[in-house]
């Protein structure tokens, strides 16, 4: 699948259980106004919790999935997925264990969105991806569940303070310690 290909949409039946061989799938919630909140990414060897939940519970998808990069994946039909999970306890435990890990990640996201300021979340994201982050302000906004204008404003403030240098689709982290202080609640922006 080429980058940008929509793989599934919220409110639609799950097309099957994806096994990502190469590339990356972005799973996100979409607001009616078009804003997105990235829930997680599915990389090779990982489980898409939305797909697994839909298949186990026989429900519609609760989020959307899109190929972030050129992606190679195999799709196990819902019937085949259910049959394999019923007869293979090892596979079932493996999938459930990966789902539990992903659920813990989602709980951390909920905690961050609910209890952390946006400057803290942005500083944490930049600190985790530095020293050079290749992305757009819009992509950061989508990942953080906010609008581009606010991300751009915060990035300009970070740049004025000498913590980052901004370029076209590139952010150089110059002072990771300062970003850490923001994450910890000091240096409120």
C-alpha atoms as a PDB file:
ATOM      1  CA  UNK A   1       0.000   0.000   0.000  1.00  0.00           C
ATOM      2  CA  UNK A   2       1.342   3.453  -0.798  1.00  0.00           C
ATOM      3  CA  UNK A   3       1.680   6.012   1.999  1.00  0.00           C
ATOM      4  CA  UNK A   4      -1.644   7.718   2.682  1.00  0.00           C
ATOM      5  CA  UNK A   5      -3.812   4.720   1.748  1.00  0.00           C
ATOM      6  CA  UNK A   6      -6.854   4.476   4.017  1.00  0.00           C
ATOM      7  CA  UNK A   7      -7.018   0.898   5.359  1.00  0.00           C
ATOM      8  CA  UNK A   8     -10.132   1.122   7.533  1.00  0.00           C
ATOM      9  CA  UNK A   9     -12.546   3.741   8.870  1.00  0.00           C
ATOM     10  CA  UNK A  10     -14.425   4.244  12.115  1.00  0.00           C
ATOM     11  CA  UNK A  11     -17.970   2.941  11.932  1.00  0.00           C
ATOM     12  CA  UNK A  12     -17.140   0.419   9.209  1.00  0.00           C
ATOM     13  CA  UNK A  13     -16.846  -3.364   9.534  1.00  0.00           C
ATOM     14  CA  UNK A  14     -13.329  -4.588  10.184  1.00  0.00           C
ATOM     15  CA  UNK A  15     -11.890  -5.939   6.921  1.00  0.00           C
ATOM     16  CA  UNK A  16      -9.708  -8.445   8.790  1.00  0.00           C
ATOM     17  CA  UNK A  17      -6.685  -8.789  11.025  1.00  0.00           C
ATOM     18  CA  UNK A  18      -3.671  -6.946   9.570  1.00  0.00           C
ATOM     19  CA  UNK A  19      -0.164  -8.329   9.836  1.00  0.00           C
ATOM     20  CA  UNK A  20       2.284  -5.548   8.978  1.00  0.00           C
ATOM     21  CA  UNK A  21       5.361  -6.973   7.249  1.00  0.00           C
ATOM     22  CA  UNK A  22       6.977  -3.623   6.428  1.00  0.00           C
ATOM     23  CA  UNK A  23       6.082   0.018   6.877  1.00  0.00           C
ATOM     24  CA  UNK A  24       3.775   1.613   9.409  1.00  0.00           C
ATOM     25  CA  UNK A  25       0.039   2.100   9.950  1.00  0.00           C
ATOM     26  CA  UNK A  26      -1.282   5.142  11.812  1.00  0.00           C
ATOM     27  CA  UNK A  27      -4.449   4.505  13.848  1.00  0.00           C
ATOM     28  CA  UNK A  28      -6.359   7.645  14.842  1.00  0.00           C
ATOM     29  CA  UNK A  29      -9.650   9.119  15.929  1.00  0.00           C
ATOM     30  CA  UNK A  30     -11.143  11.816  13.725  1.00  0.00           C
ATOM     31  CA  UNK A  31     -13.253  14.684  15.073  1.00  0.00           C
ATOM     32  CA  UNK A  32     -16.165  16.008  12.997  1.00  0.00           C
ATOM     33  CA  UNK A  33     -14.120  19.166  12.289  1.00  0.00           C
ATOM     34  CA  UNK A  34     -11.365  17.057  10.690  1.00  0.00           C
ATOM     35  CA  UNK A  35      -8.864  17.163  13.556  1.00  0.00           C
ATOM     36  CA  UNK A  36      -7.199  13.855  14.333  1.00  0.00           C
ATOM     37  CA  UNK A  37      -5.723  12.287  17.425  1.00  0.00           C
ATOM     38  CA  UNK A  38      -3.162   9.602  16.731  1.00  0.00           C
ATOM     39  CA  UNK A  39      -3.797   6.697  19.086  1.00  0.00           C
ATOM     40  CA  UNK A  40      -0.852   4.549  18.062  1.00  0.00           C
ATOM     41  CA  UNK A  41       1.157   3.224  15.153  1.00  0.00           C
ATOM     42  CA  UNK A  42       1.316  -0.394  14.081  1.00  0.00           C
ATOM     43  CA  UNK A  43       4.831  -1.414  13.079  1.00  0.00           C
ATOM     44  CA  UNK A  44       5.959  -4.871  11.900  1.00  0.00           C
ATOM     45  CA  UNK A  45       5.301  -7.463  14.606  1.00  0.00           C
ATOM     46  CA  UNK A  46       2.769  -5.320  16.486  1.00  0.00           C
ATOM     47  CA  UNK A  47      -0.981  -5.764  16.891  1.00  0.00           C
ATOM     48  CA  UNK A  48      -3.703  -3.341  15.838  1.00  0.00           C
ATOM     49  CA  UNK A  49      -5.884  -3.202  18.933  1.00  0.00           C
ATOM     50  CA  UNK A  50      -8.794  -1.664  17.008  1.00  0.00           C
ATOM     51  CA  UNK A  51      -8.808  -4.529  14.501  1.00  0.00           C
ATOM     52  CA  UNK A  52      -8.420  -7.222  17.167  1.00  0.00           C
ATOM     53  CA  UNK A  53     -11.150  -5.698  19.339  1.00  0.00           C
ATOM     54  CA  UNK A  54     -13.527  -5.436  16.395  1.00  0.00           C
ATOM     55  CA  UNK A  55     -12.912  -9.039  15.426  1.00  0.00           C
ATOM     56  CA  UNK A  56     -13.134 -10.463  18.959  1.00  0.00           C
ATOM     57  CA  UNK A  57     -16.247  -8.416  19.855  1.00  0.00           C
ATOM     58  CA  UNK A  58     -17.892  -8.489  16.389  1.00  0.00           C
ATOM     59  CA  UNK A  59     -18.149  -4.686  16.383  1.00  0.00           C
ATOM     60  CA  UNK A  60     -17.523  -1.891  13.910  1.00  0.00           C
ATOM     61  CA  UNK A  61     -14.139  -0.175  13.851  1.00  0.00           C
ATOM     62  CA  UNK A  62     -13.803   2.577  16.441  1.00  0.00           C
ATOM     63  CA  UNK A  63     -10.950   4.430  14.724  1.00  0.00           C
ATOM     64  CA  UNK A  64      -9.365   4.868  11.310  1.00  0.00           C
ATOM     65  CA  UNK A  65      -6.178   3.355   9.936  1.00  0.00           C
ATOM     66  CA  UNK A  66      -3.906   4.790   7.268  1.00  0.00           C
ATOM     67  CA  UNK A  67      -0.569   3.686   5.836  1.00  0.00           C
ATOM     68  CA  UNK A  68       1.985   6.222   7.156  1.00  0.00           C
ATOM     69  CA  UNK A  69       4.685   5.018   4.828  1.00  0.00           C
ATOM     70  CA  UNK A  70       4.719   2.545   1.989  1.00  0.00           C
ATOM     71  CA  UNK A  71       3.393  -0.507   3.804  1.00  0.00           C
ATOM     72  CA  UNK A  72       3.319  -4.220   3.090  1.00  0.00           C
ATOM     73  CA  UNK A  73       0.700  -6.129   5.019  1.00  0.00           C
ATOM     74  CA  UNK A  74      -1.235  -9.344   4.972  1.00  0.00           C
ATOM     75  CA  UNK A  75      -4.901  -9.385   5.931  1.00  0.00           C
ATOM     76  CA  UNK A  76      -6.352 -12.424   7.694  1.00  0.00           C
ATOM     77  CA  UNK A  77     -10.096 -12.664   7.049  1.00  0.00           C
ATOM     78  CA  UNK A  78     -12.365 -12.306  10.102  1.00  0.00           C
ATOM     79  CA  UNK A  79     -13.464 -15.965   9.814  1.00  0.00           C
ATOM     80  CA  UNK A  80      -9.886 -17.250   9.561  1.00  0.00           C
ATOM     81  CA  UNK A  81      -8.737 -15.035  12.459  1.00  0.00           C
ATOM     82  CA  UNK A  82     -11.531 -16.333  14.691  1.00  0.00           C
ATOM     83  CA  UNK A  83     -10.867 -19.962  13.735  1.00  0.00           C
ATOM     84  CA  UNK A  84      -7.122 -19.687  14.389  1.00  0.00           C
ATOM     85  CA  UNK A  85      -7.655 -17.969  17.759  1.00  0.00           C
ATOM     86  CA  UNK A  86     -10.173 -20.617  18.814  1.00  0.00           C
ATOM     87  CA  UNK A  87      -7.862 -23.538  18.132  1.00  0.00           C
ATOM     88  CA  UNK A  88      -4.462 -22.012  18.997  1.00  0.00           C
ATOM     89  CA  UNK A  89      -4.224 -21.002  22.665  1.00  0.00           C
ATOM     90  CA  UNK A  90      -0.608 -19.836  22.264  1.00  0.00           C
ATOM     91  CA  UNK A  91      -1.548 -17.422  19.490  1.00  0.00           C
ATOM     92  CA  UNK A  92      -4.610 -16.239  21.435  1.00  0.00           C
ATOM     93  CA  UNK A  93      -2.462 -15.498  24.529  1.00  0.00           C
ATOM     94  CA  UNK A  94       0.129 -13.742  22.346  1.00  0.00           C
ATOM     95  CA  UNK A  95      -2.507 -11.502  20.728  1.00  0.00           C
ATOM     96  CA  UNK A  96      -4.115 -10.782  24.101  1.00  0.00           C
ATOM     97  CA  UNK A  97      -0.718  -9.939  25.614  1.00  0.00           C
ATOM     98  CA  UNK A  98       0.045  -7.509  22.804  1.00  0.00           C
ATOM     99  CA  UNK A  99      -3.424  -6.014  23.206  1.00  0.00           C
ATOM    100  CA  UNK A 100      -2.759  -5.507  26.914  1.00  0.00           C
ATOM    101  CA  UNK A 101       0.500  -3.683  26.101  1.00  0.00           C
ATOM    102  CA  UNK A 102      -1.277  -1.478  23.556  1.00  0.00           C
ATOM    103  CA  UNK A 103      -4.063  -0.766  26.073  1.00  0.00           C
ATOM    104  CA  UNK A 104      -1.443   0.398  28.579  1.00  0.00           C
ATOM    105  CA  UNK A 105      -0.048   2.733  25.895  1.00  0.00           C
ATOM    106  CA  UNK A 106      -3.539   4.075  25.211  1.00  0.00           C
ATOM    107  CA  UNK A 107      -4.117   4.677  28.919  1.00  0.00           C
ATOM    108  CA  UNK A 108      -0.858   6.661  29.018  1.00  0.00           C
ATOM    109  CA  UNK A 109      -2.133   8.715  26.063  1.00  0.00           C
ATOM    110  CA  UNK A 110      -5.437   9.393  27.828  1.00  0.00           C
ATOM    111  CA  UNK A 111      -3.530  10.435  30.945  1.00  0.00           C
ATOM    112  CA  UNK A 112      -1.291  12.773  28.935  1.00  0.00           C
ATOM    113  CA  UNK A 113      -4.211  14.385  27.086  1.00  0.00           C
ATOM    114  CA  UNK A 114      -6.262  14.752  30.247  1.00  0.00           C
ATOM    115  CA  UNK A 115      -3.607  15.835  32.725  1.00  0.00           C
ATOM    116  CA  UNK A 116      -0.607  17.292  30.890  1.00  0.00           C
ATOM    117  CA  UNK A 117      -0.344  20.689  29.287  1.00  0.00           C
ATOM    118  CA  UNK A 118       0.229  20.731  25.546  1.00  0.00           C
ATOM    119  CA  UNK A 119       3.707  22.262  25.932  1.00  0.00           C
ATOM    120  CA  UNK A 120       4.677  19.295  28.133  1.00  0.00           C
ATOM    121  CA  UNK A 121       3.355  16.790  25.606  1.00  0.00           C
ATOM    122  CA  UNK A 122       5.116  18.549  22.713  1.00  0.00           C
ATOM    123  CA  UNK A 123       8.401  18.747  24.651  1.00  0.00           C
ATOM    124  CA  UNK A 124       8.140  15.042  25.512  1.00  0.00           C
ATOM    125  CA  UNK A 125       7.493  14.106  21.896  1.00  0.00           C
ATOM    126  CA  UNK A 126      10.437  16.183  20.634  1.00  0.00           C
ATOM    127  CA  UNK A 127      12.713  14.856  23.376  1.00  0.00           C
ATOM    128  CA  UNK A 128      11.796  11.266  22.523  1.00  0.00           C
ATOM    129  CA  UNK A 129      12.397  11.739  18.800  1.00  0.00           C
ATOM    130  CA  UNK A 130      15.378  14.137  18.831  1.00  0.00           C
ATOM    131  CA  UNK A 131      18.000  15.213  18.086  1.00  0.00           C
ATOM    132  CA  UNK A 132      16.477  15.827  14.650  1.00  0.00           C
ATOM    133  CA  UNK A 133      12.754  15.406  14.071  1.00  0.00           C
ATOM    134  CA  UNK A 134      11.582  15.226  10.464  1.00  0.00           C
ATOM    135  CA  UNK A 135       7.907  16.181  10.464  1.00  0.00           C
ATOM    136  CA  UNK A 136       5.511  19.014   9.757  1.00  0.00           C
ATOM    137  CA  UNK A 137       3.731  21.164  12.312  1.00  0.00           C
ATOM    138  CA  UNK A 138       0.453  19.660  11.065  1.00  0.00           C
ATOM    139  CA  UNK A 139       1.696  16.109  11.620  1.00  0.00           C
ATOM    140  CA  UNK A 140       2.729  17.029  15.170  1.00  0.00           C
ATOM    141  CA  UNK A 141      -0.683  18.619  15.762  1.00  0.00           C
ATOM    142  CA  UNK A 142      -2.445  15.487  14.509  1.00  0.00           C
ATOM    143  CA  UNK A 143      -0.311  13.308  16.743  1.00  0.00           C
ATOM    144  CA  UNK A 144      -0.998  15.523  19.763  1.00  0.00           C
ATOM    145  CA  UNK A 145      -4.709  15.952  19.019  1.00  0.00           C
ATOM    146  CA  UNK A 146      -4.615  19.708  18.596  1.00  0.00           C
ATOM    147  CA  UNK A 147      -4.435  22.307  15.828  1.00  0.00           C
ATOM    148  CA  UNK A 148      -1.377  23.320  13.831  1.00  0.00           C
ATOM    149  CA  UNK A 149      -1.514  26.969  14.919  1.00  0.00           C
ATOM    150  CA  UNK A 150      -0.988  26.090  18.580  1.00  0.00           C
ATOM    151  CA  UNK A 151       1.872  23.697  17.787  1.00  0.00           C
ATOM    152  CA  UNK A 152       3.520  26.357  15.596  1.00  0.00           C
ATOM    153  CA  UNK A 153       3.173  28.941  18.375  1.00  0.00           C
ATOM    154  CA  UNK A 154       4.765  26.606  20.930  1.00  0.00           C
ATOM    155  CA  UNK A 155       7.565  25.645  18.544  1.00  0.00           C
ATOM    156  CA  UNK A 156       8.348  29.308  17.872  1.00  0.00           C
ATOM    157  CA  UNK A 157       8.504  29.880  21.643  1.00  0.00           C
ATOM    158  CA  UNK A 158      10.812  26.873  22.044  1.00  0.00           C
ATOM    159  CA  UNK A 159      12.963  28.311  19.242  1.00  0.00           C
ATOM    160  CA  UNK A 160      13.072  31.801  20.827  1.00  0.00           C
ATOM    161  CA  UNK A 161      14.244  30.180  24.066  1.00  0.00           C
ATOM    162  CA  UNK A 162      17.027  28.385  22.170  1.00  0.00           C
ATOM    163  CA  UNK A 163      15.697  24.886  22.808  1.00  0.00           C
ATOM    164  CA  UNK A 164      15.047  23.978  19.154  1.00  0.00           C
ATOM    165  CA  UNK A 165      15.891  25.212  15.666  1.00  0.00           C
ATOM    166  CA  UNK A 166      13.106  25.103  13.095  1.00  0.00           C
ATOM    167  CA  UNK A 167      13.564  24.261   9.423  1.00  0.00           C
ATOM    168  CA  UNK A 168      11.364  23.069   6.604  1.00  0.00           C
ATOM    169  CA  UNK A 169       9.771  19.820   7.853  1.00  0.00           C
ATOM    170  CA  UNK A 170      12.598  19.574  10.388  1.00  0.00           C
ATOM    171  CA  UNK A 171      13.106  20.417  14.041  1.00  0.00           C
ATOM    172  CA  UNK A 172      16.571  20.219  15.578  1.00  0.00           C
ATOM    173  CA  UNK A 173      16.554  19.683  19.344  1.00  0.00           C
ATOM    174  CA  UNK A 174      19.288  21.957  20.710  1.00  0.00           C
ATOM    175  CA  UNK A 175      18.606  21.744  24.443  1.00  0.00           C
ATOM    176  CA  UNK A 176      17.086  18.390  25.469  1.00  0.00           C
ATOM    177  CA  UNK A 177      17.514  19.275  29.162  1.00  0.00           C
ATOM    178  CA  UNK A 178      15.241  22.301  28.740  1.00  0.00           C
ATOM    179  CA  UNK A 179      12.612  20.114  27.090  1.00  0.00           C
ATOM    180  CA  UNK A 180      12.930  17.677  30.021  1.00  0.00           C
ATOM    181  CA  UNK A 181      12.301  20.544  32.450  1.00  0.00           C
ATOM    182  CA  UNK A 182       9.131  21.445  30.532  1.00  0.00           C
ATOM    183  CA  UNK A 183       8.025  17.800  30.693  1.00  0.00           C
ATOM    184  CA  UNK A 184       8.542  17.847  34.457  1.00  0.00           C
ATOM    185  CA  UNK A 185       6.357  20.928  34.797  1.00  0.00           C
ATOM    186  CA  UNK A 186       9.084  23.542  35.132  1.00  0.00           C
ATOM    187  CA  UNK A 187       9.539  26.317  32.542  1.00  0.00           C
ATOM    188  CA  UNK A 188       5.819  26.519  31.718  1.00  0.00           C
ATOM    189  CA  UNK A 189       5.330  27.998  28.286  1.00  0.00           C
END
